[in-house]
């Protein structure tokens, strides 16, 4: 996966630059996620599933897990 171009969140700053979520667009409909402080572990999903996760998190669907 060395061909991927990783994008950090715009909320990342100089102090927290080592602990950021990064996202890369892969082939076809694949999206890859990793933490900048542990870049060898990559989670791969589809655009549809990632969108559902993000919308669910914004809606508070996972708040009971905290």
Protein backbone atom coordinates (compact mmCIF):
# COMPACT_ATOMS: atom_id res chain seq x y z
CA UNK A 1 0.00 0.00 0.00
CA UNK A 2 2.94 2.30 -0.42
CA UNK A 3 1.21 3.95 -3.40
CA UNK A 4 -1.45 5.50 -1.17
CA UNK A 5 -1.51 9.24 -0.52
CA UNK A 6 -2.42 9.80 3.12
CA UNK A 7 -4.35 12.86 4.27
CA UNK A 8 -4.37 14.04 7.88
CA UNK A 9 -7.32 15.74 9.50
CA UNK A 10 -7.37 19.51 9.25
CA UNK A 11 -7.74 19.48 13.05
CA UNK A 12 -4.22 18.09 13.45
CA UNK A 13 -1.78 20.59 14.86
CA UNK A 14 1.94 20.63 15.59
CA UNK A 15 1.45 19.37 19.16
CA UNK A 16 -0.76 16.40 18.25
CA UNK A 17 0.83 15.60 14.91
CA UNK A 18 1.92 12.15 16.07
CA UNK A 19 -1.59 10.99 16.99
CA UNK A 20 -3.80 11.77 14.03
CA UNK A 21 -6.22 9.77 11.97
CA UNK A 22 -5.16 9.57 8.34
CA UNK A 23 -7.33 8.63 5.36
CA UNK A 24 -6.33 7.47 1.88
CA UNK A 25 -8.39 6.65 -1.19
CA UNK A 26 -7.52 3.27 -2.65
CA UNK A 27 -8.41 1.48 -5.84
CA UNK A 28 -12.07 1.24 -6.82
CA UNK A 29 -14.28 2.08 -3.85
CA UNK A 30 -11.79 1.32 -1.07
CA UNK A 31 -10.86 3.74 1.72
CA UNK A 32 -7.95 3.14 4.10
CA UNK A 33 -7.57 4.50 7.62
CA UNK A 34 -4.60 4.48 9.97
CA UNK A 35 -3.23 6.31 12.99
CA UNK A 36 -0.18 8.41 12.25
CA UNK A 37 1.62 7.10 15.34
CA UNK A 38 1.15 3.45 14.19
CA UNK A 39 1.11 3.59 10.37
CA UNK A 40 1.66 -0.15 9.82
CA UNK A 41 -1.87 -0.99 10.99
CA UNK A 42 -4.38 -0.09 8.26
CA UNK A 43 -8.15 -0.54 8.31
CA UNK A 44 -9.73 -0.91 4.86
CA UNK A 45 -13.41 -0.34 4.12
CA UNK A 46 -15.71 0.96 1.39
CA UNK A 47 -16.93 4.51 0.90
CA UNK A 48 -20.50 3.51 1.81
CA UNK A 49 -19.48 1.82 5.06
CA UNK A 50 -17.14 4.66 6.07
CA UNK A 51 -19.90 7.20 5.39
CA UNK A 52 -22.31 5.18 7.58
CA UNK A 53 -19.73 5.07 10.41
CA UNK A 54 -19.08 8.81 10.25
CA UNK A 55 -22.78 9.70 10.12
CA UNK A 56 -23.51 7.30 12.98
CA UNK A 57 -20.74 8.83 15.11
CA UNK A 58 -22.01 12.34 14.40
CA UNK A 59 -25.54 11.27 15.35
CA UNK A 60 -24.33 9.83 18.67
CA UNK A 61 -25.17 6.22 17.80
CA UNK A 62 -22.01 4.99 19.53
CA UNK A 63 -22.06 7.22 22.61
CA UNK A 64 -23.19 4.32 24.81
CA UNK A 65 -19.85 2.63 24.12
CA UNK A 66 -17.87 5.36 25.88
